[in-house]
N, C-alpha and C. Protein backbone atom coordinates (compact mmCIF):
# COMPACT_ATOMS: atom_id res chain seq x y z
N MET A 1 -29.88 14.15 -19.19
CA MET A 1 -29.75 12.59 -18.51
C MET A 1 -28.62 11.59 -19.11
N VAL A 2 -28.04 11.08 -18.21
CA VAL A 2 -26.32 10.21 -18.59
C VAL A 2 -27.10 8.95 -18.63
N SER A 3 -26.69 8.47 -19.57
CA SER A 3 -26.82 6.79 -19.99
C SER A 3 -25.98 5.89 -18.79
N PHE A 4 -26.54 4.51 -18.98
CA PHE A 4 -25.79 3.72 -18.05
C PHE A 4 -24.09 3.77 -18.72
N ALA A 5 -23.79 3.10 -19.89
CA ALA A 5 -22.65 3.39 -20.59
C ALA A 5 -22.04 4.46 -20.56
N ALA A 6 -22.63 5.52 -20.84
CA ALA A 6 -21.94 6.96 -20.52
C ALA A 6 -21.34 7.19 -19.15
N GLY A 7 -22.09 6.91 -18.33
CA GLY A 7 -21.26 7.21 -16.72
C GLY A 7 -20.33 5.81 -16.43
N ILE A 8 -19.97 5.15 -17.40
CA ILE A 8 -19.45 4.13 -16.80
C ILE A 8 -18.17 4.35 -17.36
N GLY A 9 -18.65 5.05 -18.92
CA GLY A 9 -17.31 5.42 -19.46
C GLY A 9 -16.42 6.61 -18.43
N LEU A 10 -17.21 7.48 -18.10
CA LEU A 10 -16.80 8.29 -17.07
C LEU A 10 -15.50 8.25 -16.24
N LEU A 11 -16.22 7.18 -15.51
CA LEU A 11 -15.63 6.51 -13.96
C LEU A 11 -14.41 5.59 -14.72
N VAL A 12 -14.69 5.10 -15.97
CA VAL A 12 -13.64 4.32 -16.52
C VAL A 12 -12.38 5.66 -16.85
N MET A 13 -12.69 6.57 -17.53
CA MET A 13 -12.03 7.76 -17.88
C MET A 13 -11.34 8.34 -16.73
N MET A 14 -11.82 8.68 -15.38
CA MET A 14 -11.30 9.10 -14.31
C MET A 14 -10.52 8.47 -13.82
N ALA A 15 -10.77 6.96 -13.93
CA ALA A 15 -9.87 5.73 -13.25
C ALA A 15 -8.52 5.82 -14.05
N VAL A 16 -8.65 5.57 -15.16
CA VAL A 16 -7.50 6.18 -16.29
C VAL A 16 -6.66 7.23 -15.65
N HIS A 17 -7.07 8.46 -15.76
CA HIS A 17 -6.60 9.86 -15.21
C HIS A 17 -5.71 9.67 -13.93
N THR A 18 -6.71 8.94 -12.88
CA THR A 18 -6.05 8.66 -11.57
C THR A 18 -4.52 8.14 -11.61
N VAL A 19 -4.73 6.93 -12.33
CA VAL A 19 -3.31 6.32 -12.41
C VAL A 19 -2.23 7.15 -13.56
N ILE A 20 -2.78 7.82 -14.19
CA ILE A 20 -1.68 8.70 -14.93
C ILE A 20 -1.20 9.46 -13.77
N ALA A 21 -1.92 10.10 -13.44
CA ALA A 21 -1.36 11.46 -12.27
C ALA A 21 -0.66 10.73 -10.92
N ALA A 22 -0.85 9.60 -10.83
CA ALA A 22 -0.37 9.12 -9.75
C ALA A 22 1.07 8.81 -10.09
N VAL A 23 1.17 7.90 -11.52
CA VAL A 23 2.37 7.41 -11.70
C VAL A 23 3.36 8.20 -12.13
N ALA A 24 3.07 9.31 -12.76
CA ALA A 24 3.27 10.68 -13.41
C ALA A 24 3.81 10.87 -11.78
N THR A 25 3.63 11.37 -10.87
CA THR A 25 3.75 12.18 -9.52
C THR A 25 4.53 11.05 -8.85
N ARG A 26 4.97 9.61 -9.16
CA ARG A 26 5.98 9.21 -8.60
C ARG A 26 7.06 9.31 -8.87
N PHE A 27 6.82 8.89 -10.40
CA PHE A 27 8.30 9.70 -11.42
C PHE A 27 8.85 10.75 -11.10
N PHE A 28 8.43 11.97 -11.07
CA PHE A 28 9.01 12.99 -10.74
C PHE A 28 9.26 13.33 -9.29
N ARG A 29 8.73 12.34 -8.06
CA ARG A 29 9.62 12.41 -6.80
C ARG A 29 10.34 11.34 -6.80
N ILE A 30 10.82 10.73 -7.62
CA ILE A 30 12.02 9.64 -7.16
C ILE A 30 12.94 9.95 -8.02
N ARG A 31 12.69 10.92 -9.39
CA ARG A 31 13.91 11.14 -10.34
C ARG A 31 14.35 12.58 -10.00
N LEU A 32 13.78 13.31 -9.55
CA LEU A 32 14.01 14.93 -9.72
C LEU A 32 14.78 14.84 -8.33
N GLU A 33 15.70 15.38 -8.08
CA GLU A 33 16.39 15.62 -6.64
C GLU A 33 16.00 16.38 -5.68
N SER A 34 15.72 17.69 -6.63
CA SER A 34 15.37 19.01 -5.77
C SER A 34 13.57 18.74 -4.78
N THR A 35 13.72 20.01 -3.89
CA THR A 35 12.79 19.79 -2.84
C THR A 35 11.19 20.53 -4.05
N TRP A 36 11.21 21.53 -4.42
CA TRP A 36 10.54 22.14 -5.41
C TRP A 36 10.00 21.13 -6.67
N GLY A 37 11.20 20.86 -7.24
CA GLY A 37 10.88 20.05 -8.83
C GLY A 37 9.92 19.62 -8.82
N PRO A 38 9.70 18.16 -7.78
CA PRO A 38 8.30 17.39 -8.33
C PRO A 38 7.29 17.81 -8.16
N ALA A 39 7.05 19.23 -7.09
CA ALA A 39 5.41 19.73 -7.20
C ALA A 39 5.29 20.60 -8.48
N VAL A 40 6.46 21.49 -8.82
CA VAL A 40 6.31 22.00 -10.05
C VAL A 40 6.16 21.17 -11.18
N TYR A 41 6.36 20.30 -11.67
CA TYR A 41 6.92 19.37 -12.51
C TYR A 41 5.05 18.45 -12.59
N THR A 42 4.86 18.21 -11.36
CA THR A 42 3.42 17.64 -11.26
C THR A 42 1.91 18.78 -11.69
N VAL A 43 2.71 19.70 -11.11
CA VAL A 43 1.57 20.57 -11.31
C VAL A 43 1.57 21.25 -13.03
N LEU A 44 2.63 21.46 -13.62
CA LEU A 44 2.68 22.08 -14.75
C LEU A 44 2.72 20.93 -15.72
N LEU A 45 3.07 19.53 -16.00
CA LEU A 45 2.90 18.83 -17.05
C LEU A 45 2.04 17.95 -17.03
N VAL A 46 1.44 17.26 -15.58
CA VAL A 46 0.28 16.33 -15.50
C VAL A 46 -0.92 16.79 -15.94
N PRO A 47 -1.55 17.91 -16.05
CA PRO A 47 -2.14 18.15 -16.27
C PRO A 47 -2.38 18.63 -17.85
N VAL A 48 -1.25 18.70 -18.44
CA VAL A 48 -0.87 18.96 -19.59
C VAL A 48 -1.31 17.36 -20.69
N ALA A 49 -0.62 16.35 -19.95
CA ALA A 49 -1.26 14.97 -20.20
C ALA A 49 -2.25 14.67 -19.93
N LEU A 50 -3.32 15.11 -19.01
CA LEU A 50 -4.68 14.19 -18.95
C LEU A 50 -5.46 15.47 -19.88
N VAL A 51 -5.17 16.58 -20.32
CA VAL A 51 -6.11 17.24 -21.21
C VAL A 51 -5.89 16.33 -22.32
N ALA A 52 -4.50 16.25 -23.15
CA ALA A 52 -4.12 15.15 -24.19
C ALA A 52 -5.02 14.14 -23.68
N SER A 53 -4.85 13.41 -22.88
CA SER A 53 -5.73 12.04 -22.42
C SER A 53 -7.00 12.17 -22.58
N THR A 54 -7.92 13.03 -21.96
CA THR A 54 -9.16 13.60 -22.28
C THR A 54 -9.66 13.84 -23.95
N LEU A 55 -9.03 14.33 -24.52
CA LEU A 55 -9.27 14.35 -25.95
C LEU A 55 -9.38 13.57 -26.78
N PHE A 56 -8.05 12.73 -26.25
CA PHE A 56 -8.19 11.50 -26.95
C PHE A 56 -9.22 10.62 -26.77
N LEU A 57 -9.52 10.14 -25.59
CA LEU A 57 -10.41 9.23 -24.71
C LEU A 57 -11.76 9.79 -25.32
N SER A 58 -12.15 10.95 -25.16
CA SER A 58 -13.48 11.50 -25.33
C SER A 58 -14.10 11.83 -26.60
N GLY A 59 -12.83 12.10 -27.61
CA GLY A 59 -12.95 12.64 -28.68
C GLY A 59 -12.61 11.85 -29.71
N THR A 60 -11.60 10.98 -29.66
CA THR A 60 -11.38 10.06 -31.05
C THR A 60 -11.92 8.92 -30.72
N LEU A 61 -12.12 8.22 -29.03
CA LEU A 61 -12.64 6.91 -28.90
C LEU A 61 -14.43 7.26 -28.70
N GLY A 62 -14.73 8.67 -28.46
CA GLY A 62 -16.12 8.43 -28.15
C GLY A 62 -16.42 8.11 -26.55
N ILE A 63 -15.56 7.86 -25.74
CA ILE A 63 -15.85 7.48 -24.23
C ILE A 63 -16.06 8.36 -23.61
N GLY A 64 -17.41 8.05 -22.30
CA GLY A 64 -17.59 9.14 -21.92
C GLY A 64 -18.81 9.95 -21.97
N ALA A 65 -19.13 10.93 -21.38
CA ALA A 65 -20.73 11.37 -21.36
C ALA A 65 -20.31 13.15 -21.69
N ASP A 66 -20.89 13.41 -21.92
CA ASP A 66 -21.52 15.07 -22.11
C ASP A 66 -21.69 15.79 -20.61
N LEU A 67 -20.78 16.08 -20.10
CA LEU A 67 -21.25 17.21 -19.05
C LEU A 67 -21.30 18.37 -19.01
N GLY A 68 -21.85 18.82 -20.19
CA GLY A 68 -22.89 19.99 -19.95
C GLY A 68 -21.55 21.58 -20.20
N SER A 69 -20.40 21.54 -19.59
CA SER A 69 -20.03 22.34 -19.26
C SER A 69 -18.14 22.12 -19.46
N THR A 70 -17.52 23.03 -20.11
CA THR A 70 -15.73 22.90 -20.16
C THR A 70 -15.36 23.04 -18.24
N GLY A 71 -15.99 23.57 -17.52
CA GLY A 71 -15.41 24.23 -16.52
C GLY A 71 -15.95 22.68 -15.76
N MET A 72 -17.03 22.14 -16.09
CA MET A 72 -17.52 20.32 -15.29
C MET A 72 -16.33 19.62 -15.94
N ALA A 73 -15.64 19.58 -17.32
CA ALA A 73 -15.22 18.56 -17.64
C ALA A 73 -13.53 19.03 -17.19
N LEU A 74 -13.13 19.83 -16.90
CA LEU A 74 -11.95 19.72 -16.55
C LEU A 74 -11.74 19.82 -14.93
N MET A 75 -13.07 20.03 -14.58
CA MET A 75 -13.11 19.22 -12.96
C MET A 75 -12.97 17.92 -12.51
N LEU A 76 -13.64 17.13 -13.48
CA LEU A 76 -14.08 15.70 -13.55
C LEU A 76 -12.52 14.94 -14.18
N MET A 77 -12.04 15.69 -15.31
CA MET A 77 -11.20 15.13 -16.01
C MET A 77 -9.87 15.39 -15.59
N VAL A 78 -9.27 16.22 -14.94
CA VAL A 78 -7.99 16.85 -14.99
C VAL A 78 -8.18 16.92 -13.18
N VAL A 79 -8.64 17.96 -12.38
CA VAL A 79 -8.29 18.38 -11.33
C VAL A 79 -8.42 17.55 -10.08
N ALA A 80 -10.12 16.64 -10.41
CA ALA A 80 -10.03 15.63 -9.41
C ALA A 80 -9.10 14.31 -9.46
N PRO A 81 -8.84 13.71 -10.84
CA PRO A 81 -8.10 12.87 -10.89
C PRO A 81 -6.34 13.15 -10.53
N LEU A 82 -5.87 14.55 -10.67
CA LEU A 82 -4.59 15.24 -10.22
C LEU A 82 -4.49 15.21 -8.94
N ALA A 83 -5.90 15.48 -8.08
CA ALA A 83 -5.95 15.67 -6.56
C ALA A 83 -5.40 14.53 -5.76
N LEU A 84 -6.55 13.10 -6.48
CA LEU A 84 -6.14 12.00 -6.18
C LEU A 84 -4.92 11.24 -6.37
N GLY A 85 -4.80 11.16 -7.44
CA GLY A 85 -3.09 10.59 -7.81
C GLY A 85 -2.08 10.83 -6.93
N TYR A 86 -2.41 12.49 -7.02
CA TYR A 86 -1.02 13.25 -5.87
C TYR A 86 -1.85 12.68 -4.60
N THR A 87 -2.45 12.39 -3.99
CA THR A 87 -2.87 11.98 -2.50
C THR A 87 -2.49 10.55 -2.54
N ILE A 88 -2.90 9.55 -3.45
CA ILE A 88 -2.36 8.40 -3.45
C ILE A 88 -0.63 8.26 -3.30
N ASP A 89 0.22 8.84 -4.37
CA ASP A 89 1.32 8.89 -4.04
C ASP A 89 2.35 8.95 -2.84
N VAL A 90 1.57 10.40 -2.37
CA VAL A 90 1.78 10.76 -0.98
C VAL A 90 1.69 10.15 0.11
N PHE A 91 0.56 9.38 0.27
CA PHE A 91 0.35 8.96 1.29
C PHE A 91 -0.09 7.54 1.47
N TRP A 92 -0.04 6.80 0.23
CA TRP A 92 0.01 5.22 0.21
C TRP A 92 0.86 4.82 -0.49
N MET A 93 2.07 5.25 -1.03
CA MET A 93 2.90 4.56 -1.69
C MET A 93 4.16 5.12 -0.43
N PRO A 94 5.54 3.78 -0.66
CA PRO A 94 6.54 4.46 0.53
C PRO A 94 7.13 5.79 -0.50
N HIS A 95 7.76 6.82 0.68
CA HIS A 95 8.48 7.70 0.45
C HIS A 95 9.58 7.28 -0.28
N PRO A 96 9.99 8.22 -1.65
CA PRO A 96 11.34 7.87 -2.70
C PRO A 96 12.41 7.74 -1.97
N ASP A 97 12.52 8.18 -0.90
CA ASP A 97 14.12 7.30 -0.47
C ASP A 97 14.14 6.11 0.10
N GLU A 98 13.19 5.66 0.55
CA GLU A 98 12.91 4.09 0.77
C GLU A 98 13.20 2.96 -0.34
N VAL A 99 12.73 3.85 -1.58
CA VAL A 99 12.48 3.03 -2.97
C VAL A 99 14.49 2.65 -3.31
N GLU A 100 14.97 1.21 -3.62
CA GLU A 100 15.75 1.33 -4.09
C GLU A 100 15.59 1.01 -5.80
N LEU A 101 16.68 1.99 -6.51
CA LEU A 101 16.62 1.97 -7.72
C LEU A 101 17.87 1.35 -8.17
N PRO A 102 18.06 0.70 -9.23
CA PRO A 102 18.95 -0.12 -10.13
C PRO A 102 20.30 0.70 -9.94
N GLU A 103 21.17 -0.05 -9.80
CA GLU A 103 22.82 0.71 -10.26
C GLU A 103 22.42 1.33 -11.47
N ARG A 104 23.33 2.10 -12.10
CA ARG A 104 23.56 3.00 -13.24
C ARG A 104 24.48 1.63 -14.24
N ALA A 105 24.19 1.67 -15.34
CA ALA A 105 25.90 0.85 -16.05
C ALA A 105 26.22 2.16 -16.61
N ASP A 106 27.49 2.32 -16.30
CA ASP A 106 28.25 3.22 -16.84
C ASP A 106 29.19 2.63 -17.88
N GLY A 107 28.65 2.75 -19.15
CA GLY A 107 29.34 1.59 -20.13
C GLY A 107 30.28 2.74 -21.10
């Protein structure tokens, strides 16, 4: 049985991971010029960041609940936030071509 505080910690970790995934996806979509580059970087690098964050938040800080298995932990802490963060970036944020970037200062 999961305690109330552990459940809240789990939800906070999932929210933090969703924000990390959405921001990283947006960063790759804005900065990379190729068609497949943002998708490849999102699929390869964002899960590494989410696993590192999970290890830090649940191991060092002790936030979250014991989910019982590695598969369940990966599903709730990596796969679900990655899918939700990517969805938020693609469907609810403006297209990267519509975003105005500041001029580069060639100094």
